Amino acid sequence: MVQPQPPDPRPVPVPPPMPQPPREPSPGTEPPIPPTPEPPPPNRPAPNETPPTG
């Protein structure tokens, strides 16, 4: 009886990455969302800090 041979561990050829063209802004499907800057934190001392006296 012939024993089945294990498959050869051949490296799988990885295709080179396709150069993606620069994405053009399409206002119809993807409206440009301006980055909303987070508001500065309120000028309050942290609970573990004492307020400055002066």
PDB file of N, CA and C in Angstrom:
ATOM      1  N   MET A   1       0.860  -1.199   0.000  1.00  0.00           N
ATOM      2  CA  MET A   1       0.000   0.000   0.000  1.00  0.00           C
ATOM      3  C   MET A   1       0.898   1.253   0.000  1.00  0.00           C
ATOM      4  N   VAL A   2       0.587   2.166  -0.894  1.00  0.00           N
ATOM      5  CA  VAL A   2       1.419   3.363  -1.015  1.00  0.00           C
ATOM      6  C   VAL A   2       0.910   4.436  -0.062  1.00  0.00           C
ATOM      7  N   GLN A   3       1.813   4.981   0.747  1.00  0.00           N
ATOM      8  CA  GLN A   3       1.409   6.039   1.677  1.00  0.00           C
ATOM      9  C   GLN A   3       1.345   7.368   0.923  1.00  0.00           C
ATOM     10  N   PRO A   4       0.296   8.153   1.196  1.00  0.00           N
ATOM     11  CA  PRO A   4       0.181   9.454   0.501  1.00  0.00           C
ATOM     12  C   PRO A   4       1.304  10.384   0.921  1.00  0.00           C
ATOM     13  N   GLN A   5       1.899  11.012  -0.047  1.00  0.00           N
ATOM     14  CA  GLN A   5       2.994  11.941   0.243  1.00  0.00           C
ATOM     15  C   GLN A   5       2.414  13.272   0.734  1.00  0.00           C
ATOM     16  N   PRO A   6       3.012  13.870   1.748  1.00  0.00           N
ATOM     17  CA  PRO A   6       2.537  15.201   2.187  1.00  0.00           C
ATOM     18  C   PRO A   6       2.842  16.238   1.114  1.00  0.00           C
ATOM     19  N   PRO A   7       1.988  17.214   0.979  1.00  0.00           N
ATOM     20  CA  PRO A   7       2.225  18.247  -0.050  1.00  0.00           C
ATOM     21  C   PRO A   7       3.492  19.030   0.246  1.00  0.00           C
ATOM     22  N   ASP A   8       4.202  19.376  -0.812  1.00  0.00           N
ATOM     23  CA  ASP A   8       5.437  20.140  -0.633  1.00  0.00           C
ATOM     24  C   ASP A   8       5.102  21.553  -0.136  1.00  0.00           C
ATOM     25  N   PRO A   9       5.797  22.002   0.895  1.00  0.00           N
ATOM     26  CA  PRO A   9       5.534  23.373   1.387  1.00  0.00           C
ATOM     27  C   PRO A   9       6.122  24.418   0.447  1.00  0.00           C
ATOM     28  N   ARG A  10       5.483  24.593  -0.683  1.00  0.00           N
ATOM     29  CA  ARG A  10       5.991  25.567  -1.649  1.00  0.00           C
ATOM     30  C   ARG A  10       5.486  26.964  -1.292  1.00  0.00           C
ATOM     31  N   PRO A  11       6.326  27.959  -1.399  1.00  0.00           N
ATOM     32  CA  PRO A  11       5.872  29.336  -1.109  1.00  0.00           C
ATOM     33  C   PRO A  11       4.853  29.782  -2.142  1.00  0.00           C
ATOM     34  N   VAL A  12       3.762  30.338  -1.668  1.00  0.00           N
ATOM     35  CA  VAL A  12       2.724  30.805  -2.582  1.00  0.00           C
ATOM     36  C   VAL A  12       3.191  32.110  -3.219  1.00  0.00           C
ATOM     37  N   PRO A  13       3.200  32.180  -4.532  1.00  0.00           N
ATOM     38  CA  PRO A  13       3.645  33.425  -5.183  1.00  0.00           C
ATOM     39  C   PRO A  13       2.677  34.568  -4.888  1.00  0.00           C
ATOM     40  N   VAL A  14       3.205  35.619  -4.295  1.00  0.00           N
ATOM     41  CA  VAL A  14       2.355  36.766  -3.966  1.00  0.00           C
ATOM     42  C   VAL A  14       2.421  37.772  -5.109  1.00  0.00           C
ATOM     43  N   PRO A  15       1.279  38.103  -5.685  1.00  0.00           N
ATOM     44  CA  PRO A  15       1.302  39.067  -6.795  1.00  0.00           C
ATOM     45  C   PRO A  15       1.724  40.442  -6.289  1.00  0.00           C
ATOM     46  N   PRO A  16       2.436  41.197  -7.111  1.00  0.00           N
ATOM     47  CA  PRO A  16       2.866  42.532  -6.677  1.00  0.00           C
ATOM     48  C   PRO A  16       1.651  43.430  -6.468  1.00  0.00           C
ATOM     49  N   PRO A  17       1.705  44.309  -5.492  1.00  0.00           N
ATOM     50  CA  PRO A  17       0.559  45.199  -5.233  1.00  0.00           C
ATOM     51  C   PRO A  17       0.318  46.130  -6.410  1.00  0.00           C
ATOM     52  N   MET A  18      -0.947  46.231  -6.799  1.00  0.00           N
ATOM     53  CA  MET A  18      -1.285  47.112  -7.919  1.00  0.00           C
ATOM     54  C   MET A  18      -1.196  48.563  -7.456  1.00  0.00           C
ATOM     55  N   PRO A  19      -0.542  49.424  -8.220  1.00  0.00           N
ATOM     56  CA  PRO A  19      -0.477  50.845  -7.836  1.00  0.00           C
ATOM     57  C   PRO A  19      -1.855  51.475  -7.935  1.00  0.00           C
ATOM     58  N   GLN A  20      -2.388  51.870  -6.792  1.00  0.00           N
ATOM     59  CA  GLN A  20      -3.728  52.458  -6.795  1.00  0.00           C
ATOM     60  C   GLN A  20      -3.644  53.920  -7.225  1.00  0.00           C
ATOM     61  N   PRO A  21      -4.525  54.318  -8.130  1.00  0.00           N
ATOM     62  CA  PRO A  21      -4.534  55.726  -8.551  1.00  0.00           C
ATOM     63  C   PRO A  21      -5.030  56.609  -7.412  1.00  0.00           C
ATOM     64  N   PRO A  22      -4.619  57.861  -7.389  1.00  0.00           N
ATOM     65  CA  PRO A  22      -5.075  58.764  -6.317  1.00  0.00           C
ATOM     66  C   PRO A  22      -6.579  58.923  -6.366  1.00  0.00           C
ATOM     67  N   ARG A  23      -7.200  58.839  -5.208  1.00  0.00           N
ATOM     68  CA  ARG A  23      -8.661  58.951  -5.152  1.00  0.00           C
ATOM     69  C   ARG A  23      -9.080  60.391  -5.424  1.00  0.00           C
ATOM     70  N   GLU A  24      -9.991  60.519  -6.376  1.00  0.00           N
ATOM     71  CA  GLU A  24     -10.500  61.861  -6.670  1.00  0.00           C
ATOM     72  C   GLU A  24     -11.708  62.129  -5.773  1.00  0.00           C
ATOM     73  N   PRO A  25     -11.785  63.320  -5.204  1.00  0.00           N
ATOM     74  CA  PRO A  25     -12.931  63.627  -4.331  1.00  0.00           C
ATOM     75  C   PRO A  25     -14.222  63.636  -5.125  1.00  0.00           C
ATOM     76  N   SER A  26     -15.127  62.744  -4.745  1.00  0.00           N
ATOM     77  CA  SER A  26     -16.417  62.713  -5.438  1.00  0.00           C
ATOM     78  C   SER A  26     -17.472  63.293  -4.501  1.00  0.00           C
ATOM     79  N   PRO A  27     -17.885  64.536  -4.738  1.00  0.00           N
ATOM     80  CA  PRO A  27     -18.847  65.177  -3.828  1.00  0.00           C
ATOM     81  C   PRO A  27     -20.189  64.473  -3.826  1.00  0.00           C
ATOM     82  N   GLY A  28     -20.464  63.660  -4.844  1.00  0.00           N
ATOM     83  CA  GLY A  28     -21.763  62.988  -4.909  1.00  0.00           C
ATOM     84  C   GLY A  28     -21.859  61.867  -3.897  1.00  0.00           C
ATOM     85  N   THR A  29     -20.795  61.099  -3.758  1.00  0.00           N
ATOM     86  CA  THR A  29     -20.866  59.934  -2.878  1.00  0.00           C
ATOM     87  C   THR A  29     -20.133  60.178  -1.570  1.00  0.00           C
ATOM     88  N   GLU A  30     -18.995  60.877  -1.636  1.00  0.00           N
ATOM     89  CA  GLU A  30     -18.233  61.139  -0.419  1.00  0.00           C
ATOM     90  C   GLU A  30     -18.014  62.641  -0.247  1.00  0.00           C
ATOM     91  N   PRO A  31     -18.905  63.295   0.480  1.00  0.00           N
ATOM     92  CA  PRO A  31     -18.709  64.732   0.714  1.00  0.00           C
ATOM     93  C   PRO A  31     -17.507  64.943   1.628  1.00  0.00           C
ATOM     94  N   PRO A  32     -16.677  65.903   1.327  1.00  0.00           N
ATOM     95  CA  PRO A  32     -15.505  66.144   2.182  1.00  0.00           C
ATOM     96  C   PRO A  32     -15.933  66.633   3.556  1.00  0.00           C
ATOM     97  N   ILE A  33     -15.575  65.859   4.570  1.00  0.00           N
ATOM     98  CA  ILE A  33     -15.958  66.235   5.934  1.00  0.00           C
ATOM     99  C   ILE A  33     -14.789  66.983   6.563  1.00  0.00           C
ATOM    100  N   PRO A  34     -14.972  68.261   6.881  1.00  0.00           N
ATOM    101  CA  PRO A  34     -13.871  69.007   7.510  1.00  0.00           C
ATOM    102  C   PRO A  34     -13.596  68.459   8.899  1.00  0.00           C
ATOM    103  N   PRO A  35     -12.344  68.364   9.290  1.00  0.00           N
ATOM    104  CA  PRO A  35     -12.031  67.849  10.629  1.00  0.00           C
ATOM    105  C   PRO A  35     -12.538  68.804  11.692  1.00  0.00           C
ATOM    106  N   THR A  36     -13.354  68.270  12.591  1.00  0.00           N
ATOM    107  CA  THR A  36     -13.908  69.125  13.645  1.00  0.00           C
ATOM    108  C   THR A  36     -12.932  69.140  14.816  1.00  0.00           C
ATOM    109  N   PRO A  37     -12.312  70.282  15.076  1.00  0.00           N
ATOM    110  CA  PRO A  37     -11.373  70.343  16.211  1.00  0.00           C
ATOM    111  C   PRO A  37     -12.116  70.203  17.527  1.00  0.00           C
ATOM    112  N   GLU A  38     -11.582  69.370  18.400  1.00  0.00           N
ATOM    113  CA  GLU A  38     -12.244  69.179  19.691  1.00  0.00           C
ATOM    114  C   GLU A  38     -12.141  70.470  20.504  1.00  0.00           C
ATOM    115  N   PRO A  39     -13.219  70.822  21.181  1.00  0.00           N
ATOM    116  CA  PRO A  39     -13.171  72.048  22.000  1.00  0.00           C
ATOM    117  C   PRO A  39     -12.158  71.882  23.122  1.00  0.00           C
ATOM    118  N   PRO A  40     -11.487  72.958  23.495  1.00  0.00           N
ATOM    119  CA  PRO A  40     -10.501  72.843  24.582  1.00  0.00           C
ATOM    120  C   PRO A  40     -11.196  72.456  25.874  1.00  0.00           C
ATOM    121  N   PRO A  41     -10.543  71.689  26.703  1.00  0.00           N
ATOM    122  CA  PRO A  41     -11.170  71.270  27.966  1.00  0.00           C
ATOM    123  C   PRO A  41     -11.430  72.487  28.840  1.00  0.00           C
ATOM    124  N   PRO A  42     -12.495  72.437  29.613  1.00  0.00           N
ATOM    125  CA  PRO A  42     -12.797  73.588  30.493  1.00  0.00           C
ATOM    126  C   PRO A  42     -11.665  73.804  31.481  1.00  0.00           C
ATOM    127  N   ASN A  43     -11.446  75.075  31.799  1.00  0.00           N
ATOM    128  CA  ASN A  43     -10.338  75.403  32.702  1.00  0.00           C
ATOM    129  C   ASN A  43     -10.748  75.085  34.134  1.00  0.00           C
ATOM    130  N   ARG A  44     -10.806  73.792  34.429  1.00  0.00           N
ATOM    131  CA  ARG A  44     -11.155  73.381  35.790  1.00  0.00           C
ATOM    132  C   ARG A  44     -10.043  72.493  36.326  1.00  0.00           C
ATOM    133  N   PRO A  45      -9.758  72.593  37.595  1.00  0.00           N
ATOM    134  CA  PRO A  45      -8.732  71.714  38.171  1.00  0.00           C
ATOM    135  C   PRO A  45      -9.239  70.283  38.227  1.00  0.00           C
ATOM    136  N   ALA A  46      -8.352  69.341  38.064  1.00  0.00           N
ATOM    137  CA  ALA A  46      -8.751  67.941  38.140  1.00  0.00           C
ATOM    138  C   ALA A  46      -9.164  67.630  39.569  1.00  0.00           C
ATOM    139  N   PRO A  47      -9.981  66.588  39.746  1.00  0.00           N
ATOM    140  CA  PRO A  47     -10.439  66.259  41.118  1.00  0.00           C
ATOM    141  C   PRO A  47      -9.284  65.979  42.061  1.00  0.00           C
ATOM    142  N   ASN A  48      -8.175  65.476  41.534  1.00  0.00           N
ATOM    143  CA  ASN A  48      -7.053  65.145  42.418  1.00  0.00           C
ATOM    144  C   ASN A  48      -6.085  66.313  42.559  1.00  0.00           C
ATOM    145  N   GLU A  49      -6.444  67.457  41.952  1.00  0.00           N
ATOM    146  CA  GLU A  49      -5.561  68.620  42.056  1.00  0.00           C
ATOM    147  C   GLU A  49      -6.264  69.722  42.841  1.00  0.00           C
ATOM    148  N   THR A  50      -5.465  70.529  43.522  1.00  0.00           N
ATOM    149  CA  THR A  50      -6.057  71.639  44.268  1.00  0.00           C
ATOM    150  C   THR A  50      -6.054  72.867  43.379  1.00  0.00           C
ATOM    151  N   PRO A  51      -7.102  73.654  43.424  1.00  0.00           N
ATOM    152  CA  PRO A  51      -7.140  74.853  42.581  1.00  0.00           C
ATOM    153  C   PRO A  51      -6.021  75.805  42.977  1.00  0.00           C
ATOM    154  N   PRO A  52      -5.413  76.454  41.994  1.00  0.00           N
ATOM    155  CA  PRO A  52      -4.311  77.377  42.324  1.00  0.00           C
ATOM    156  C   PRO A  52      -4.825  78.566  43.117  1.00  0.00           C
ATOM    157  N   THR A  53      -4.135  78.873  44.178  1.00  0.00           N
ATOM    158  CA  THR A  53      -4.547  80.023  44.993  1.00  0.00           C
ATOM    159  C   THR A  53      -3.625  81.183  44.667  1.00  0.00           C
ATOM    160  N   GLY A  54      -4.227  82.275  44.246  1.00  0.00           N
ATOM    161  CA  GLY A  54      -3.380  83.398  43.902  1.00  0.00           C
ATOM    162  C   GLY A  54      -4.249  84.434  43.340  1.00  0.00           C
TER     163      GLY A  54
END
